[in-house]
Amino acid sequence: MMGNLLTIIVFLPLLAALIIGFVPRDSKGQARAIALIATFLPLVFAGILYAGFDFDAKGMQYTESAEWINIANVYHDKALVIGYDLGVDGLSMPFVLLTSIVSFLAVLASGKIQHRAKEYYIWFLLLVTGLYGCFVALDLFLFFLFLELTLIPMYFLIGIWGGERKGPVATKFLVYRGIASAFILVAFIAMAFKAADATGTITLNMLAIADAFSQASPDLITSAFKNGIFLVLLLAILIEEAFFPFHTWLPDTHEQVPSAVSMIVGGVLMKIGAYVLFRIAVGILPDAVQHWATLIAVIGVINIVYAALIAMVQKDWRRLLAFSAISHMGIVLLGVAAMNQAGIQGGVFMTISSGLLSALLFFLIGAIKERTGTALIANLGGLSKPMPILAGFLLAAALGSLGLPGMSGFISEILAFMGSFEVFPVLSAVGALGIILAAVYLLWAMQRTTYGPTPAQLEGVTDARPIEFVPAIVLLALIILIGVYPQILSDLVNPSIQTLVTRIGG
């Protein structure tokens, strides 16, 4: 079984979704129990992966490989072999762990879903299968297949269980992400055929394409081609990550979906674009990333400052958190643009930290909205009296999000800015304003929500239930663990980042 752990982790949720299909429609408890098991077991297996991971190795581990599709005469007289290739290294392992943790906790937080619960868990588990697949696929075709698998479940999760504007928002999500997928597909096909020009063999294996691009002579794979194809990939990343000016789908989505779906969107789904940036853009096209480094850094700073300013005028907690996440992911762009060890490491740290913090914040705001009936900041107030536990967790999460020392956000920002200041001192100084702005809008929202007089209609609201302690404590504990002991993450990612930096020549 150990040899197929990745396959088991990826397809257990899919198997469970099929099993739920045979559960009677009114058996919500059975569907929920199956979903809990189907997300808990991958969490256990991901823990086993982590326990057996060789932290000193720089290559892929737990690899699985088999010929899947053979298409004759695709490149001259050569066949295109599409492989079922899976594997993890220090770069993908944190994303697998993040997916396993957030997906289980999100199912745990889905207890209030009563409307068409059986279908909800089916779509949710299909989404989780796609997410796992994206982070372990080593074949571009397989990656794209899993990426597409995330689109349809999300469309229905928004369209059926969303709020008043669920229809338009679901369509908007599908259009934006669909366009991003089209750009990704164009980039993948172009890279595969260009690598074939250099090697004489066509393949969609990521590692083989990366080797072809790094070893081919400049005459075969020109800088102009690399720079052009990176721009196509960058457009896809900007849409996937909801960066300005392609960001509008994310606040709308968070505003409409149930809090459990928001946890998986903010915690994991939104991180696929960052993973594409690390794995494919930096991994295969490091020269092009370096060529466009200033442009990437400028886009990063625009997102840090613009999203923070927009967050300051939001009336709804969910939209505020969405813009806060966009601002934080701008730091990822700035760090990666530096193309050095500290910058890329800070980018990975920020991605994982943002995933944990987003999941925690959306969970807590969902719990508050469930009790008060609103996420509008103006309609809340004085919640620290009727619900001191939820208010306390919310304060801790907000402090983590604004980068309080001892929490994951702090070490992430330090690393990213250390790397970026070395290369872009002026842009980094402007980007650092985002940290100050984050403190302003988050503390203002906290003050309006938890302090002051409690509105009469909120005086009787109840505090956290025992089952709600689990997501809150687990996520907050991980945020603090990374903050006080960053080696738990840096020891994992450093060997892979060193490999990337070596290719860059840094």
Protein backbone atom coordinates (compact mmCIF):
# COMPACT_ATOMS: atom_id res chain seq x y z
CA MET A 1 0.00 0.00 0.00
CA MET A 2 2.89 2.39 0.77
CA GLY A 3 3.87 2.31 -2.90
CA ASN A 4 0.50 3.68 -3.91
CA LEU A 5 -0.10 6.14 -1.10
CA LEU A 6 -0.49 9.11 -3.45
CA THR A 7 -3.06 7.28 -5.59
CA ILE A 8 -4.98 6.35 -2.45
CA ILE A 9 -4.91 9.92 -1.14
CA VAL A 10 -6.10 11.35 -4.46
CA PHE A 11 -8.85 8.87 -5.25
CA LEU A 12 -10.26 8.05 -1.80
CA PRO A 13 -12.50 11.15 -1.92
CA LEU A 14 -13.63 10.18 -5.44
CA LEU A 15 -14.46 6.64 -4.29
CA ALA A 16 -16.39 8.06 -1.35
CA ALA A 17 -18.32 10.39 -3.67
CA LEU A 18 -19.36 7.36 -5.73
CA ILE A 19 -20.42 5.50 -2.57
CA ILE A 20 -22.48 8.48 -1.37
CA GLY A 21 -24.28 8.28 -4.71
CA PHE A 22 -25.89 5.03 -3.50
CA VAL A 23 -26.91 6.46 -0.11
CA PRO A 24 -30.66 7.21 0.23
CA ARG A 25 -31.42 10.87 -0.48
CA ASP A 26 -32.71 11.57 3.03
CA SER A 27 -29.75 9.90 4.81
CA LYS A 28 -27.80 13.07 5.46
CA GLY A 29 -25.99 11.50 8.40
CA GLN A 30 -24.61 8.64 6.30
CA ALA A 31 -23.40 10.99 3.58
CA ARG A 32 -21.69 13.21 6.15
CA ALA A 33 -20.08 10.22 7.92
CA ILE A 34 -18.68 8.90 4.62
CA ALA A 35 -17.35 12.36 3.72
CA LEU A 36 -15.69 12.68 7.13
CA ILE A 37 -13.99 9.29 6.74
CA ALA A 38 -12.99 10.07 3.15
CA THR A 39 -11.24 13.26 4.20
CA PHE A 40 -9.85 11.97 7.49
CA LEU A 41 -8.10 8.93 5.99
CA PRO A 42 -6.15 11.05 3.42
CA LEU A 43 -5.18 13.28 6.34
CA VAL A 44 -3.74 10.22 8.12
CA PHE A 45 -2.01 9.03 4.95
CA ALA A 46 -0.59 12.51 4.34
CA GLY A 47 0.80 12.35 7.88
CA ILE A 48 2.42 9.00 7.01
CA LEU A 49 3.89 10.58 3.87
CA TYR A 50 5.32 13.40 5.94
CA ALA A 51 6.72 11.01 8.56
CA GLY A 52 8.52 8.96 5.91
CA PHE A 53 9.66 11.94 3.84
CA ASP A 54 13.42 12.24 3.26
CA PHE A 55 14.09 15.89 4.14
CA ASP A 56 17.59 15.82 2.62
CA ALA A 57 16.51 14.53 -0.79
CA LYS A 58 16.03 17.11 -3.56
CA GLY A 59 14.13 14.96 -6.04
CA MET A 60 10.64 13.51 -6.17
CA GLN A 61 9.58 10.91 -3.62
CA TYR A 62 6.73 8.37 -3.43
CA THR A 63 6.72 8.39 -7.23
CA GLU A 64 4.20 6.33 -9.17
CA SER A 65 4.50 5.96 -12.91
CA ALA A 66 2.62 4.08 -15.59
CA GLU A 67 1.92 4.56 -19.27
CA TRP A 68 -1.66 5.78 -19.60
CA ILE A 69 -2.37 7.06 -23.10
CA ASN A 70 -0.36 6.42 -26.27
CA ILE A 71 -1.20 8.56 -29.30
CA ALA A 72 0.70 7.64 -32.46
CA ASN A 73 2.33 10.11 -34.86
CA VAL A 74 1.82 13.26 -32.82
CA TYR A 75 5.31 14.68 -33.35
CA HIS A 76 6.69 13.68 -36.77
CA ASP A 77 6.59 9.88 -36.51
CA LYS A 78 6.85 9.82 -32.70
CA ALA A 79 4.01 8.89 -30.39
CA LEU A 80 2.87 11.06 -27.50
CA VAL A 81 2.87 9.00 -24.32
CA ILE A 82 0.81 10.48 -21.51
CA GLY A 83 1.86 9.06 -18.20
CA TYR A 84 0.06 8.47 -14.95
CA ASP A 85 2.95 10.11 -13.10
CA LEU A 86 2.60 11.13 -9.47
CA GLY A 87 5.15 12.28 -6.92
CA VAL A 88 5.88 14.80 -4.20
CA ASP A 89 8.92 16.83 -3.25
CA GLY A 90 9.50 19.54 -0.68
CA LEU A 91 7.51 21.98 -2.79
CA SER A 92 4.35 19.93 -3.23
CA MET A 93 4.32 18.14 0.15
CA PRO A 94 3.16 21.26 2.09
CA PHE A 95 0.26 21.68 -0.34
CA VAL A 96 -0.78 18.03 0.12
CA LEU A 97 -0.72 18.50 3.90
CA LEU A 98 -2.63 21.78 3.59
CA THR A 99 -5.30 20.12 1.44
CA SER A 100 -5.68 17.19 3.83
CA ILE A 101 -6.05 19.42 6.89
CA VAL A 102 -8.38 22.04 5.42
CA SER A 103 -10.61 19.55 3.56
CA PHE A 104 -11.24 17.45 6.70
CA LEU A 105 -11.92 20.51 8.83
CA ALA A 106 -14.19 21.96 6.13
CA VAL A 107 -16.29 18.76 6.10
CA LEU A 108 -16.40 18.95 9.90
CA ALA A 109 -17.68 22.53 9.53
CA SER A 110 -20.35 21.46 7.01
CA GLY A 111 -22.72 20.12 9.65
CA LYS A 112 -25.26 22.88 9.06
CA ILE A 113 -25.69 21.93 5.40
CA GLN A 114 -29.21 20.47 5.25
CA HIS A 115 -30.36 21.41 1.74
CA ARG A 116 -29.50 18.58 -0.70
CA ALA A 117 -26.78 17.42 1.70
CA LYS A 118 -26.03 14.21 -0.20
CA GLU A 119 -25.21 16.12 -3.41
CA TYR A 120 -23.23 18.70 -1.44
CA TYR A 121 -20.82 16.07 -0.09
CA ILE A 122 -20.49 14.44 -3.55
CA TRP A 123 -19.47 17.72 -5.19
CA PHE A 124 -17.23 18.61 -2.24
CA LEU A 125 -15.34 15.30 -2.44
CA LEU A 126 -14.92 15.62 -6.20
CA LEU A 127 -13.41 19.06 -5.61
CA VAL A 128 -11.00 17.60 -3.04
CA THR A 129 -9.94 14.90 -5.52
CA GLY A 130 -9.09 17.59 -8.07
CA LEU A 131 -7.12 19.58 -5.50
CA TYR A 132 -5.01 16.61 -4.40
CA GLY A 133 -4.40 15.67 -8.02
CA CYS A 134 -3.11 19.12 -8.93
CA PHE A 135 -0.47 18.98 -6.22
CA VAL A 136 0.89 15.48 -6.94
CA ALA A 137 0.61 15.23 -10.75
CA LEU A 138 3.93 15.15 -12.57
CA ASP A 139 2.39 15.05 -16.04
CA LEU A 140 1.03 18.29 -17.50
CA PHE A 141 -1.99 16.52 -19.01
CA LEU A 142 -2.80 14.88 -15.68
CA PHE A 143 -2.38 18.20 -13.88
CA PHE A 144 -4.72 19.89 -16.35
CA LEU A 145 -7.28 17.10 -15.94
CA PHE A 146 -7.31 17.53 -12.16
CA LEU A 147 -7.43 21.31 -12.55
CA GLU A 148 -10.56 20.98 -14.68
CA LEU A 149 -12.02 18.60 -12.11
CA THR A 150 -12.07 21.49 -9.63
CA LEU A 151 -14.17 23.71 -11.89
CA ILE A 152 -17.47 21.83 -12.16
CA PRO A 153 -17.80 20.91 -8.45
CA MET A 154 -17.12 24.52 -7.49
CA TYR A 155 -19.70 25.73 -10.01
CA PHE A 156 -22.38 23.60 -8.36
CA LEU A 157 -21.20 24.35 -4.80
CA ILE A 158 -21.70 28.04 -5.56
CA GLY A 159 -24.77 27.64 -7.78
CA ILE A 160 -26.80 25.39 -5.43
CA TRP A 161 -25.64 26.29 -1.91
CA GLY A 162 -24.73 29.94 -2.52
CA GLY A 163 -26.55 33.11 -1.46
CA GLU A 164 -28.94 35.41 -3.29
CA ARG A 165 -26.59 36.04 -6.25
CA LYS A 166 -25.41 32.44 -6.53
CA GLY A 167 -26.32 32.04 -10.22
CA PRO A 168 -24.35 34.96 -11.67
CA VAL A 169 -21.45 34.37 -9.27
CA ALA A 170 -21.21 30.68 -10.21
CA THR A 171 -21.15 31.61 -13.90
CA LYS A 172 -18.55 34.30 -13.25
CA PHE A 173 -16.37 31.80 -11.42
CA LEU A 174 -16.63 29.32 -14.28
CA VAL A 175 -15.84 31.94 -16.94
CA TYR A 176 -12.80 33.35 -15.12
CA ARG A 177 -11.31 29.99 -14.19
CA GLY A 178 -12.18 28.58 -17.59
CA ILE A 179 -10.22 31.35 -19.32
CA ALA A 180 -7.29 30.70 -16.98
CA SER A 181 -7.41 27.01 -17.89
CA ALA A 182 -7.35 27.89 -21.60
CA PHE A 183 -4.17 29.96 -21.11
CA ILE A 184 -2.60 27.12 -19.10
CA LEU A 185 -3.45 24.60 -21.83
CA VAL A 186 -1.90 26.81 -24.53
CA ALA A 187 1.28 27.18 -22.46
CA PHE A 188 1.48 23.42 -21.77
CA ILE A 189 1.09 22.45 -25.44
CA ALA A 190 3.64 25.04 -26.54
CA MET A 191 6.17 23.88 -23.95
CA ALA A 192 5.70 20.21 -24.87
CA PHE A 193 6.26 20.79 -28.60
CA LYS A 194 9.22 23.10 -28.01
CA ALA A 195 10.82 20.53 -25.69
CA ALA A 196 10.23 17.94 -28.43
CA ASP A 197 12.15 20.14 -30.88
CA ALA A 198 15.11 19.95 -28.51
CA THR A 199 14.97 16.26 -27.57
CA GLY A 200 13.28 14.63 -30.54
CA THR A 201 10.77 12.99 -28.22
CA ILE A 202 7.45 14.47 -27.24
CA THR A 203 6.28 14.17 -23.68
CA LEU A 204 4.10 15.99 -21.17
CA ASN A 205 6.15 14.91 -18.17
CA MET A 206 6.99 18.05 -16.15
CA LEU A 207 10.42 16.89 -15.10
CA ALA A 208 11.41 15.85 -18.63
CA ILE A 209 10.23 19.19 -20.04
CA ALA A 210 12.10 21.08 -17.31
CA ASP A 211 15.30 19.16 -18.17
CA ALA A 212 14.78 19.83 -21.90
CA PHE A 213 14.34 23.56 -21.30
CA SER A 214 17.40 23.79 -19.03
CA GLN A 215 19.71 21.79 -21.30
CA ALA A 216 18.63 22.83 -24.81
CA SER A 217 20.76 25.28 -26.74
CA PRO A 218 19.44 28.86 -27.04
CA ASP A 219 18.97 28.29 -30.78
CA LEU A 220 16.44 25.50 -30.20
CA ILE A 221 14.52 27.06 -27.33
CA THR A 222 15.01 30.79 -27.62
CA SER A 223 14.69 33.37 -24.87
CA ALA A 224 11.93 35.08 -26.87
CA PHE A 225 9.88 31.87 -26.80
CA LYS A 226 10.41 31.38 -23.07
CA ASN A 227 9.53 35.01 -22.33
CA GLY A 228 6.41 34.86 -24.48
CA ILE A 229 5.11 31.59 -23.10
CA PHE A 230 5.72 32.80 -19.54
CA LEU A 231 3.46 35.80 -20.18
CA VAL A 232 0.69 33.40 -21.21
CA LEU A 233 1.27 31.39 -18.04
CA LEU A 234 1.42 34.59 -15.95
CA LEU A 235 -2.01 35.64 -17.24
CA ALA A 236 -3.39 32.28 -16.11
CA ILE A 237 -1.73 32.62 -12.69
CA LEU A 238 -3.11 36.15 -12.21
CA ILE A 239 -6.64 34.89 -12.90
CA GLU A 240 -6.26 31.70 -10.84
CA GLU A 241 -4.93 33.66 -7.87
CA ALA A 242 -7.50 36.44 -8.30
CA PHE A 243 -4.86 39.13 -8.71
CA PHE A 244 -5.78 42.66 -9.86
CA PRO A 245 -7.30 43.28 -12.40
CA PHE A 246 -8.76 39.74 -12.54
CA HIS A 247 -9.74 39.61 -8.87
CA THR A 248 -13.48 40.29 -8.87
CA TRP A 249 -14.57 36.63 -8.90
CA LEU A 250 -12.99 35.93 -5.49
CA PRO A 251 -14.84 38.43 -3.20
CA ASP A 252 -18.12 37.55 -4.92
CA THR A 253 -17.48 33.84 -4.42
CA HIS A 254 -16.59 34.19 -0.75
CA GLU A 255 -19.63 36.39 -0.16
CA GLN A 256 -22.02 33.83 -1.64
CA VAL A 257 -20.77 30.36 -0.61
CA PRO A 258 -21.24 28.60 2.75
CA SER A 259 -18.36 29.10 5.19
CA ALA A 260 -17.13 25.50 4.76
CA VAL A 261 -16.77 26.08 1.01
CA SER A 262 -15.06 29.40 1.72
CA MET A 263 -12.56 27.48 3.85
CA ILE A 264 -11.58 25.23 0.94
CA VAL A 265 -11.61 28.12 -1.58
CA GLY A 266 -9.46 30.47 0.50
CA GLY A 267 -7.43 27.70 2.10
CA VAL A 268 -6.56 25.55 -0.91
CA LEU A 269 -8.28 26.27 -4.24
CA MET A 270 -6.87 29.78 -4.46
CA LYS A 271 -3.36 28.39 -3.91
CA ILE A 272 -3.27 26.42 -7.17
CA GLY A 273 -2.13 29.51 -9.06
CA ALA A 274 0.76 29.97 -6.63
CA TYR A 275 1.68 26.31 -7.05
CA VAL A 276 1.74 26.76 -10.85
CA LEU A 277 4.04 29.74 -10.29
CA PHE A 278 6.46 27.72 -8.14
CA ARG A 279 6.30 24.36 -9.91
CA ILE A 280 5.90 25.24 -13.59
CA ALA A 281 6.86 28.90 -14.09
CA VAL A 282 9.93 28.96 -11.84
CA GLY A 283 10.61 25.24 -12.30
CA ILE A 284 10.59 25.20 -16.13
CA LEU A 285 11.00 28.86 -17.14
CA PRO A 286 13.36 30.42 -14.55
CA ASP A 287 15.08 32.59 -17.18
CA ALA A 288 11.74 34.05 -18.26
CA VAL A 289 10.69 34.69 -14.65
CA GLN A 290 13.94 36.55 -14.15
CA HIS A 291 13.43 38.47 -17.42
CA TRP A 292 9.99 39.68 -16.29
CA ALA A 293 10.98 40.00 -12.61
CA THR A 294 10.35 43.75 -12.42
CA LEU A 295 6.91 43.39 -14.00
CA ILE A 296 6.04 40.58 -11.54
CA ALA A 297 7.25 42.68 -8.61
CA VAL A 298 5.20 45.70 -9.76
CA ILE A 299 2.06 43.54 -10.10
CA GLY A 300 2.77 42.12 -6.64
CA VAL A 301 3.08 45.58 -5.05
CA ILE A 302 -0.06 46.84 -6.82
CA ASN A 303 -1.97 43.90 -5.38
CA ILE A 304 -0.55 44.35 -1.89
CA VAL A 305 -1.50 48.04 -1.69
CA TYR A 306 -4.64 48.12 -3.87
CA ALA A 307 -6.28 45.10 -2.22
CA ALA A 308 -5.42 46.46 1.25
CA LEU A 309 -6.97 49.85 0.41
CA ILE A 310 -10.12 48.19 -0.97
CA ALA A 311 -10.30 45.95 2.13
CA MET A 312 -10.45 49.10 4.28
CA VAL A 313 -13.80 50.16 2.78
CA GLN A 314 -15.54 46.78 2.83
CA LYS A 315 -18.73 46.46 4.82
CA ASP A 316 -18.91 42.67 4.80
CA TRP A 317 -16.35 40.55 6.71
CA ARG A 318 -16.20 37.98 3.88
CA ARG A 319 -15.30 40.56 1.24
CA LEU A 320 -12.78 42.15 3.62
CA LEU A 321 -11.08 38.78 4.14
CA ALA A 322 -11.10 38.08 0.39
CA PHE A 323 -9.28 41.35 -0.35
CA SER A 324 -6.94 40.70 2.58
CA ALA A 325 -6.03 37.34 1.02
CA ILE A 326 -5.38 39.02 -2.35
CA SER A 327 -3.11 41.54 -0.63
CA HIS A 328 -1.16 38.80 1.13
CA MET A 329 -0.75 36.80 -2.08
CA GLY A 330 0.77 39.95 -3.64
CA ILE A 331 3.64 39.40 -1.20
CA VAL A 332 4.11 35.97 -2.81
CA LEU A 333 4.58 37.61 -6.22
CA LEU A 334 7.03 40.12 -4.78
CA GLY A 335 9.06 37.39 -3.06
CA VAL A 336 9.18 35.14 -6.12
CA ALA A 337 10.18 38.06 -8.35
CA ALA A 338 13.37 38.39 -6.30
CA MET A 339 14.32 34.87 -7.50
CA ASN A 340 16.53 34.17 -4.50
CA GLN A 341 16.35 31.63 -1.68
CA ALA A 342 14.72 33.95 0.87
CA GLY A 343 12.20 35.40 -1.59
CA ILE A 344 10.95 32.07 -2.95
CA GLN A 345 10.94 30.52 0.52
CA GLY A 346 8.93 33.49 1.78
CA GLY A 347 6.52 33.00 -1.13
CA VAL A 348 5.94 29.35 -0.18
CA PHE A 349 5.61 30.25 3.51
CA MET A 350 3.10 33.01 2.71
CA THR A 351 1.04 30.69 0.51
CA ILE A 352 0.75 28.03 3.21
CA SER A 353 0.24 30.61 5.97
CA SER A 354 -2.45 32.40 3.96
CA GLY A 355 -4.18 29.07 3.38
CA LEU A 356 -4.32 28.27 7.11
CA LEU A 357 -5.33 31.81 8.11
CA SER A 358 -8.00 32.09 5.41
CA ALA A 359 -9.51 28.75 6.41
CA LEU A 360 -9.59 29.81 10.08
CA LEU A 361 -10.96 33.31 9.45
CA PHE A 362 -13.71 32.17 7.08
CA PHE A 363 -14.66 29.39 9.50
CA LEU A 364 -14.98 31.86 12.38
CA ILE A 365 -16.91 34.46 10.37
CA GLY A 366 -19.20 31.67 9.17
CA ALA A 367 -19.83 30.62 12.78
CA ILE A 368 -20.61 34.23 13.75
CA LYS A 369 -22.92 34.72 10.76
CA GLU A 370 -24.74 31.50 11.59
CA ARG A 371 -25.59 32.91 15.03
CA THR A 372 -26.16 36.57 14.22
CA GLY A 373 -27.59 36.20 10.71
CA THR A 374 -25.16 38.75 9.29
CA ALA A 375 -21.52 39.25 8.28
CA LEU A 376 -21.99 43.00 7.87
CA ILE A 377 -19.54 44.72 10.20
CA ALA A 378 -21.95 47.59 10.91
CA ASN A 379 -24.60 45.16 12.20
CA LEU A 380 -22.21 43.49 14.65
CA GLY A 381 -20.70 44.76 17.87
CA GLY A 382 -19.80 43.80 21.41
CA LEU A 383 -19.58 40.09 20.54
CA SER A 384 -16.83 39.50 23.10
CA LYS A 385 -19.56 39.51 25.78
CA PRO A 386 -22.03 36.90 24.44
CA MET A 387 -19.42 34.83 22.58
CA PRO A 388 -15.99 35.35 24.21
CA ILE A 389 -14.49 32.15 22.78
CA LEU A 390 -15.33 32.84 19.13
CA ALA A 391 -14.32 36.48 19.59
CA GLY A 392 -11.02 35.37 21.12
CA PHE A 393 -10.24 33.02 18.24
CA LEU A 394 -11.18 35.76 15.76
CA LEU A 395 -8.82 38.21 17.45
CA ALA A 396 -5.98 35.64 17.38
CA ALA A 397 -6.61 34.89 13.68
CA ALA A 398 -6.74 38.59 12.82
CA LEU A 399 -3.46 39.20 14.66
CA GLY A 400 -1.94 36.29 12.75
CA SER A 401 -3.16 37.73 9.47
CA LEU A 402 -1.63 41.14 10.13
CA GLY A 403 1.72 39.48 10.87
CA LEU A 404 2.03 39.35 14.66
CA PRO A 405 5.42 37.87 15.71
CA GLY A 406 5.09 34.25 16.77
CA MET A 407 2.57 33.46 14.07
CA SER A 408 3.01 32.11 10.55
CA GLY A 409 2.22 35.42 8.82
CA PHE A 410 5.16 37.15 10.51
CA ILE A 411 7.89 34.72 9.40
CA SER A 412 6.33 34.59 5.90
CA GLU A 413 6.45 38.36 5.49
CA ILE A 414 9.96 38.59 6.94
CA LEU A 415 11.34 36.01 4.50
CA ALA A 416 9.54 37.41 1.44
CA PHE A 417 10.58 41.00 2.16
CA MET A 418 14.16 39.98 3.03
CA GLY A 419 14.42 38.43 -0.40
CA SER A 420 12.68 41.26 -2.25
CA PHE A 421 14.49 44.16 -0.51
CA GLU A 422 17.76 42.74 -1.82
CA VAL A 423 16.59 43.12 -5.43
CA PHE A 424 13.74 45.69 -5.38
CA PRO A 425 14.35 48.03 -2.41
CA VAL A 426 11.96 50.79 -3.54
CA LEU A 427 9.13 48.48 -4.60
CA SER A 428 9.56 46.47 -1.41
CA ALA A 429 9.32 49.62 0.70
CA VAL A 430 6.05 50.51 -1.03
CA GLY A 431 4.81 46.93 -0.62
CA ALA A 432 5.58 47.02 3.09
CA LEU A 433 2.81 49.63 3.40
CA GLY A 434 0.43 46.69 3.00
CA ILE A 435 1.48 45.42 6.44
CA ILE A 436 0.48 48.75 8.01
CA LEU A 437 -2.78 48.89 6.08
CA ALA A 438 -3.59 45.30 7.11
CA ALA A 439 -3.22 46.30 10.75
CA VAL A 440 -5.57 49.24 10.18
CA TYR A 441 -8.45 47.42 8.48
CA LEU A 442 -8.25 44.22 10.55
CA LEU A 443 -8.07 45.98 13.93
CA TRP A 444 -10.84 48.40 12.85
CA ALA A 445 -13.08 45.46 11.88
CA MET A 446 -12.22 43.64 15.13
CA GLN A 447 -13.00 46.71 17.20
CA ARG A 448 -16.37 47.18 15.49
CA THR A 449 -17.23 43.47 15.80
CA THR A 450 -16.17 42.44 19.28
CA TYR A 451 -15.98 45.59 21.39
CA GLY A 452 -18.38 48.37 22.31
CA PRO A 453 -22.04 47.93 23.23
CA THR A 454 -23.77 44.73 22.14
CA PRO A 455 -26.86 45.33 19.97
CA ALA A 456 -30.00 44.13 21.74
CA GLN A 457 -30.74 41.49 19.10
CA LEU A 458 -27.28 39.93 19.61
CA GLU A 459 -27.28 39.69 23.40
CA GLY A 460 -28.62 36.15 23.49
CA VAL A 461 -26.38 34.59 20.83
CA THR A 462 -24.53 31.45 21.86
CA ASP A 463 -20.80 30.88 21.89
CA ALA A 464 -18.77 28.12 20.18
CA ARG A 465 -20.08 24.56 20.30
CA PRO A 466 -17.64 21.76 21.30
CA ILE A 467 -17.33 20.49 17.69
CA GLU A 468 -16.33 23.99 16.55
CA PHE A 469 -13.32 23.91 18.85
CA VAL A 470 -11.64 21.34 16.59
CA PRO A 471 -11.20 23.48 13.42
CA ALA A 472 -10.43 26.58 15.47
CA ILE A 473 -7.81 24.94 17.71
CA VAL A 474 -6.15 22.85 14.96
CA LEU A 475 -5.79 25.74 12.51
CA LEU A 476 -4.64 28.22 15.16
CA ALA A 477 -2.17 25.68 16.58
CA LEU A 478 -0.62 25.17 13.12
CA ILE A 479 -0.40 28.93 12.56
CA ILE A 480 1.44 29.34 15.88
CA LEU A 481 3.59 26.23 15.29
CA ILE A 482 4.91 27.60 11.98
CA GLY A 483 5.39 30.99 13.62
CA VAL A 484 7.47 29.78 16.58
CA TYR A 485 9.13 26.79 14.87
CA PRO A 486 9.45 27.67 11.14
CA GLN A 487 11.93 24.82 10.63
CA ILE A 488 8.97 22.46 10.47
CA LEU A 489 8.23 24.01 7.08
CA SER A 490 11.63 25.33 5.98
CA ASP A 491 13.35 21.94 6.46
CA LEU A 492 10.72 20.50 4.13
CA VAL A 493 10.84 23.09 1.34
CA ASN A 494 14.49 24.21 1.40
CA PRO A 495 16.05 21.34 -0.62
CA SER A 496 13.52 21.85 -3.44
CA ILE A 497 13.96 25.63 -3.39
CA GLN A 498 17.74 25.21 -3.50
CA THR A 499 17.28 23.13 -6.66
CA LEU A 500 15.21 25.93 -8.21
CA VAL A 501 17.70 28.60 -7.20
CA THR A 502 20.55 26.53 -8.66
CA ARG A 503 18.74 26.48 -12.00
CA ILE A 504 18.32 30.24 -11.78
CA GLY A 505 22.00 30.57 -11.01
CA GLY A 506 21.36 32.46 -7.79
